[in-house]
Amino acid sequence: MAQSFIPTQKMAAAARRGLRLPEKFGRGGTDVGVRRAQQLAERREVDEKDVKSMHSFFARHAVDKQGKAHAWDSDSDPSAGFIAWLLWGGDAGKAWADRKMKALD
Protein backbone atom coordinates (compact mmCIF):
# COMPACT_ATOMS: atom_id res chain seq x y z
CA MET A 1 0.00 0.00 0.00
CA ALA A 2 1.36 3.38 -0.99
CA GLN A 3 2.02 5.86 1.77
CA SER A 4 1.29 9.55 1.72
CA PHE A 5 2.56 12.32 3.95
CA ILE A 6 1.46 15.82 4.95
CA PRO A 7 4.00 18.64 4.45
CA THR A 8 5.02 20.58 7.56
CA GLN A 9 4.13 24.20 8.28
CA LYS A 10 7.78 25.21 7.68
CA MET A 11 7.72 23.57 4.25
CA ALA A 12 4.47 25.35 3.43
CA ALA A 13 5.92 28.70 4.53
CA ALA A 14 9.04 28.18 2.40
CA ALA A 15 6.91 27.25 -0.61
CA ARG A 16 4.73 30.37 -0.18
CA ARG A 17 7.88 32.52 0.00
CA GLY A 18 9.19 30.77 -3.13
CA LEU A 19 5.95 31.53 -4.97
CA ARG A 20 6.18 35.25 -4.11
CA LEU A 21 9.79 35.88 -5.16
CA PRO A 22 9.60 35.07 -8.91
CA GLU A 23 6.78 37.60 -9.28
CA LYS A 24 9.09 40.29 -7.92
CA PHE A 25 12.38 39.26 -9.59
CA GLY A 26 11.32 37.44 -12.75
CA ARG A 27 13.54 34.41 -12.11
CA GLY A 28 13.57 31.10 -10.33
CA GLY A 29 11.62 27.90 -10.62
CA THR A 30 10.00 25.84 -13.32
CA ASP A 31 6.39 24.88 -13.92
CA VAL A 32 7.10 21.65 -12.05
CA GLY A 33 8.57 23.60 -9.13
CA VAL A 34 5.58 25.95 -9.04
CA ARG A 35 3.17 23.00 -8.97
CA ARG A 36 5.19 21.41 -6.16
CA ALA A 37 5.13 24.70 -4.24
CA GLN A 38 1.36 24.97 -4.61
CA GLN A 39 1.01 21.42 -3.28
CA LEU A 40 3.28 22.16 -0.30
CA ALA A 41 1.82 25.61 0.42
CA GLU A 42 -1.66 24.09 0.63
CA ARG A 43 -0.26 21.18 2.69
CA ARG A 44 -1.78 18.64 0.32
CA GLU A 45 -0.71 15.02 0.65
CA VAL A 46 2.66 14.05 -0.82
CA ASP A 47 2.90 10.45 -2.03
CA GLU A 48 5.96 8.19 -2.21
CA LYS A 49 6.69 9.18 -5.82
CA ASP A 50 6.65 12.86 -4.83
CA VAL A 51 8.96 12.20 -1.86
CA LYS A 52 11.43 10.48 -4.20
CA SER A 53 11.18 13.39 -6.64
CA MET A 54 11.80 15.91 -3.85
CA HIS A 55 14.74 13.93 -2.51
CA SER A 56 16.23 13.78 -6.01
CA PHE A 57 15.69 17.52 -6.58
CA PHE A 58 17.52 18.45 -3.38
CA ALA A 59 20.39 16.06 -4.15
CA ARG A 60 20.85 17.61 -7.61
CA HIS A 61 20.47 21.21 -6.50
CA ALA A 62 22.48 21.42 -3.27
CA VAL A 63 25.32 22.74 -5.45
CA ASP A 64 23.18 25.81 -6.22
CA LYS A 65 24.03 27.14 -2.76
CA GLN A 66 27.53 27.94 -4.09
CA GLY A 67 26.23 30.19 -6.89
CA LYS A 68 27.60 33.73 -6.96
CA ALA A 69 25.26 35.53 -9.41
CA HIS A 70 22.74 36.45 -6.72
CA ALA A 71 22.36 35.81 -3.00
CA TRP A 72 21.17 32.68 -1.24
CA ASP A 73 18.42 33.31 1.34
CA SER A 74 17.84 36.90 0.24
CA ASP A 75 14.60 38.82 -0.15
CA SER A 76 16.36 41.68 -1.95
CA ASP A 77 18.42 39.77 -4.57
CA PRO A 78 17.67 36.04 -4.40
CA SER A 79 19.34 33.61 -6.76
CA ALA A 80 17.17 31.55 -9.09
CA GLY A 81 18.52 28.45 -7.34
CA PHE A 82 17.39 29.75 -3.97
CA ILE A 83 13.91 30.50 -5.29
CA ALA A 84 13.69 26.99 -6.78
CA TRP A 85 14.91 25.53 -3.45
CA LEU A 86 12.08 27.34 -1.66
CA LEU A 87 9.52 26.09 -4.16
CA TRP A 88 10.43 22.53 -3.16
CA GLY A 89 10.04 23.31 0.57
CA GLY A 90 13.41 24.87 1.38
CA ASP A 91 15.76 23.44 3.99
CA ALA A 92 12.75 22.09 5.91
CA GLY A 93 11.64 20.27 2.76
CA LYS A 94 15.08 18.77 2.23
CA ALA A 95 15.30 17.47 5.81
CA TRP A 96 11.73 16.15 5.58
CA ALA A 97 12.31 14.40 2.23
CA ASP A 98 15.54 12.87 3.58
CA ARG A 99 13.68 11.50 6.63
CA LYS A 100 10.81 10.14 4.54
CA MET A 101 13.20 8.43 2.10
CA LYS A 102 14.85 6.59 5.01
CA ALA A 103 11.41 5.50 6.22
CA LEU A 104 10.53 4.23 2.73
CA ASP A 105 13.70 2.13 2.34
C-alpha atoms as a PDB file:
ATOM      1  CA  MET A   1       0.000   0.000   0.000  1.00  0.00           C
ATOM      2  CA  ALA A   2       1.361   3.384  -0.991  1.00  0.00           C
ATOM      3  CA  GLN A   3       2.023   5.857   1.769  1.00  0.00           C
ATOM      4  CA  SER A   4       1.295   9.548   1.718  1.00  0.00           C
ATOM      5  CA  PHE A   5       2.562  12.318   3.954  1.00  0.00           C
ATOM      6  CA  ILE A   6       1.460  15.817   4.949  1.00  0.00           C
ATOM      7  CA  PRO A   7       4.002  18.641   4.449  1.00  0.00           C
ATOM      8  CA  THR A   8       5.018  20.582   7.556  1.00  0.00           C
ATOM      9  CA  GLN A   9       4.134  24.199   8.280  1.00  0.00           C
ATOM     10  CA  LYS A  10       7.777  25.213   7.679  1.00  0.00           C
ATOM     11  CA  MET A  11       7.723  23.569   4.255  1.00  0.00           C
ATOM     12  CA  ALA A  12       4.466  25.348   3.428  1.00  0.00           C
ATOM     13  CA  ALA A  13       5.919  28.700   4.533  1.00  0.00           C
ATOM     14  CA  ALA A  14       9.042  28.176   2.401  1.00  0.00           C
ATOM     15  CA  ALA A  15       6.908  27.251  -0.609  1.00  0.00           C
ATOM     16  CA  ARG A  16       4.734  30.367  -0.176  1.00  0.00           C
ATOM     17  CA  ARG A  17       7.883  32.515  -0.004  1.00  0.00           C
ATOM     18  CA  GLY A  18       9.188  30.770  -3.126  1.00  0.00           C
ATOM     19  CA  LEU A  19       5.946  31.533  -4.967  1.00  0.00           C
ATOM     20  CA  ARG A  20       6.176  35.251  -4.108  1.00  0.00           C
ATOM     21  CA  LEU A  21       9.795  35.878  -5.156  1.00  0.00           C
ATOM     22  CA  PRO A  22       9.596  35.073  -8.909  1.00  0.00           C
ATOM     23  CA  GLU A  23       6.779  37.600  -9.282  1.00  0.00           C
ATOM     24  CA  LYS A  24       9.089  40.290  -7.923  1.00  0.00           C
ATOM     25  CA  PHE A  25      12.376  39.265  -9.589  1.00  0.00           C
ATOM     26  CA  GLY A  26      11.317  37.437 -12.753  1.00  0.00           C
ATOM     27  CA  ARG A  27      13.540  34.412 -12.107  1.00  0.00           C
ATOM     28  CA  GLY A  28      13.570  31.099 -10.326  1.00  0.00           C
ATOM     29  CA  GLY A  29      11.620  27.905 -10.618  1.00  0.00           C
ATOM     30  CA  THR A  30      10.002  25.842 -13.316  1.00  0.00           C
ATOM     31  CA  ASP A  31       6.395  24.882 -13.922  1.00  0.00           C
ATOM     32  CA  VAL A  32       7.101  21.647 -12.046  1.00  0.00           C
ATOM     33  CA  GLY A  33       8.570  23.604  -9.126  1.00  0.00           C
ATOM     34  CA  VAL A  34       5.582  25.950  -9.036  1.00  0.00           C
ATOM     35  CA  ARG A  35       3.172  22.997  -8.972  1.00  0.00           C
ATOM     36  CA  ARG A  36       5.191  21.409  -6.158  1.00  0.00           C
ATOM     37  CA  ALA A  37       5.129  24.704  -4.235  1.00  0.00           C
ATOM     38  CA  GLN A  38       1.359  24.967  -4.612  1.00  0.00           C
ATOM     39  CA  GLN A  39       1.006  21.418  -3.275  1.00  0.00           C
ATOM     40  CA  LEU A  40       3.277  22.161  -0.300  1.00  0.00           C
ATOM     41  CA  ALA A  41       1.819  25.608   0.418  1.00  0.00           C
ATOM     42  CA  GLU A  42      -1.656  24.086   0.631  1.00  0.00           C
ATOM     43  CA  ARG A  43      -0.265  21.182   2.692  1.00  0.00           C
ATOM     44  CA  ARG A  44      -1.784  18.635   0.319  1.00  0.00           C
ATOM     45  CA  GLU A  45      -0.708  15.016   0.651  1.00  0.00           C
ATOM     46  CA  VAL A  46       2.660  14.048  -0.816  1.00  0.00           C
ATOM     47  CA  ASP A  47       2.901  10.449  -2.025  1.00  0.00           C
ATOM     48  CA  GLU A  48       5.956   8.190  -2.209  1.00  0.00           C
ATOM     49  CA  LYS A  49       6.688   9.178  -5.816  1.00  0.00           C
ATOM     50  CA  ASP A  50       6.653  12.864  -4.827  1.00  0.00           C
ATOM     51  CA  VAL A  51       8.955  12.201  -1.855  1.00  0.00           C
ATOM     52  CA  LYS A  52      11.426  10.479  -4.198  1.00  0.00           C
ATOM     53  CA  SER A  53      11.176  13.386  -6.637  1.00  0.00           C
ATOM     54  CA  MET A  54      11.795  15.912  -3.852  1.00  0.00           C
ATOM     55  CA  HIS A  55      14.742  13.929  -2.512  1.00  0.00           C
ATOM     56  CA  SER A  56      16.231  13.781  -6.008  1.00  0.00           C
ATOM     57  CA  PHE A  57      15.688  17.518  -6.580  1.00  0.00           C
ATOM     58  CA  PHE A  58      17.521  18.449  -3.375  1.00  0.00           C
ATOM     59  CA  ALA A  59      20.388  16.057  -4.147  1.00  0.00           C
ATOM     60  CA  ARG A  60      20.852  17.610  -7.606  1.00  0.00           C
ATOM     61  CA  HIS A  61      20.475  21.212  -6.503  1.00  0.00           C
ATOM     62  CA  ALA A  62      22.482  21.417  -3.271  1.00  0.00           C
ATOM     63  CA  VAL A  63      25.322  22.736  -5.454  1.00  0.00           C
ATOM     64  CA  ASP A  64      23.179  25.814  -6.220  1.00  0.00           C
ATOM     65  CA  LYS A  65      24.031  27.139  -2.758  1.00  0.00           C
ATOM     66  CA  GLN A  66      27.533  27.936  -4.086  1.00  0.00           C
ATOM     67  CA  GLY A  67      26.229  30.189  -6.886  1.00  0.00           C
ATOM     68  CA  LYS A  68      27.598  33.727  -6.961  1.00  0.00           C
ATOM     69  CA  ALA A  69      25.262  35.528  -9.406  1.00  0.00           C
ATOM     70  CA  HIS A  70      22.737  36.452  -6.720  1.00  0.00           C
ATOM     71  CA  ALA A  71      22.356  35.808  -2.999  1.00  0.00           C
ATOM     72  CA  TRP A  72      21.171  32.677  -1.237  1.00  0.00           C
ATOM     73  CA  ASP A  73      18.421  33.308   1.340  1.00  0.00           C
ATOM     74  CA  SER A  74      17.841  36.898   0.244  1.00  0.00           C
ATOM     75  CA  ASP A  75      14.597  38.817  -0.151  1.00  0.00           C
ATOM     76  CA  SER A  76      16.362  41.681  -1.949  1.00  0.00           C
ATOM     77  CA  ASP A  77      18.423  39.773  -4.568  1.00  0.00           C
ATOM     78  CA  PRO A  78      17.666  36.043  -4.401  1.00  0.00           C
ATOM     79  CA  SER A  79      19.338  33.606  -6.764  1.00  0.00           C
ATOM     80  CA  ALA A  80      17.172  31.549  -9.094  1.00  0.00           C
ATOM     81  CA  GLY A  81      18.515  28.451  -7.340  1.00  0.00           C
ATOM     82  CA  PHE A  82      17.389  29.748  -3.966  1.00  0.00           C
ATOM     83  CA  ILE A  83      13.911  30.499  -5.292  1.00  0.00           C
ATOM     84  CA  ALA A  84      13.693  26.990  -6.778  1.00  0.00           C
ATOM     85  CA  TRP A  85      14.907  25.529  -3.452  1.00  0.00           C
ATOM     86  CA  LEU A  86      12.079  27.339  -1.658  1.00  0.00           C
ATOM     87  CA  LEU A  87       9.519  26.085  -4.164  1.00  0.00           C
ATOM     88  CA  TRP A  88      10.434  22.528  -3.164  1.00  0.00           C
ATOM     89  CA  GLY A  89      10.041  23.309   0.565  1.00  0.00           C
ATOM     90  CA  GLY A  90      13.408  24.871   1.383  1.00  0.00           C
ATOM     91  CA  ASP A  91      15.763  23.443   3.992  1.00  0.00           C
ATOM     92  CA  ALA A  92      12.746  22.092   5.906  1.00  0.00           C
ATOM     93  CA  GLY A  93      11.635  20.267   2.758  1.00  0.00           C
ATOM     94  CA  LYS A  94      15.079  18.766   2.226  1.00  0.00           C
ATOM     95  CA  ALA A  95      15.299  17.473   5.806  1.00  0.00           C
ATOM     96  CA  TRP A  96      11.728  16.147   5.580  1.00  0.00           C
ATOM     97  CA  ALA A  97      12.310  14.398   2.230  1.00  0.00           C
ATOM     98  CA  ASP A  98      15.544  12.867   3.576  1.00  0.00           C
ATOM     99  CA  ARG A  99      13.685  11.502   6.627  1.00  0.00           C
ATOM    100  CA  LYS A 100      10.812  10.141   4.536  1.00  0.00           C
ATOM    101  CA  MET A 101      13.198   8.431   2.104  1.00  0.00           C
ATOM    102  CA  LYS A 102      14.848   6.592   5.010  1.00  0.00           C
ATOM    103  CA  ALA A 103      11.409   5.495   6.221  1.00  0.00           C
ATOM    104  CA  LEU A 104      10.530   4.228   2.729  1.00  0.00           C
ATOM    105  CA  ASP A 105      13.696   2.125   2.343  1.00  0.00           C
END
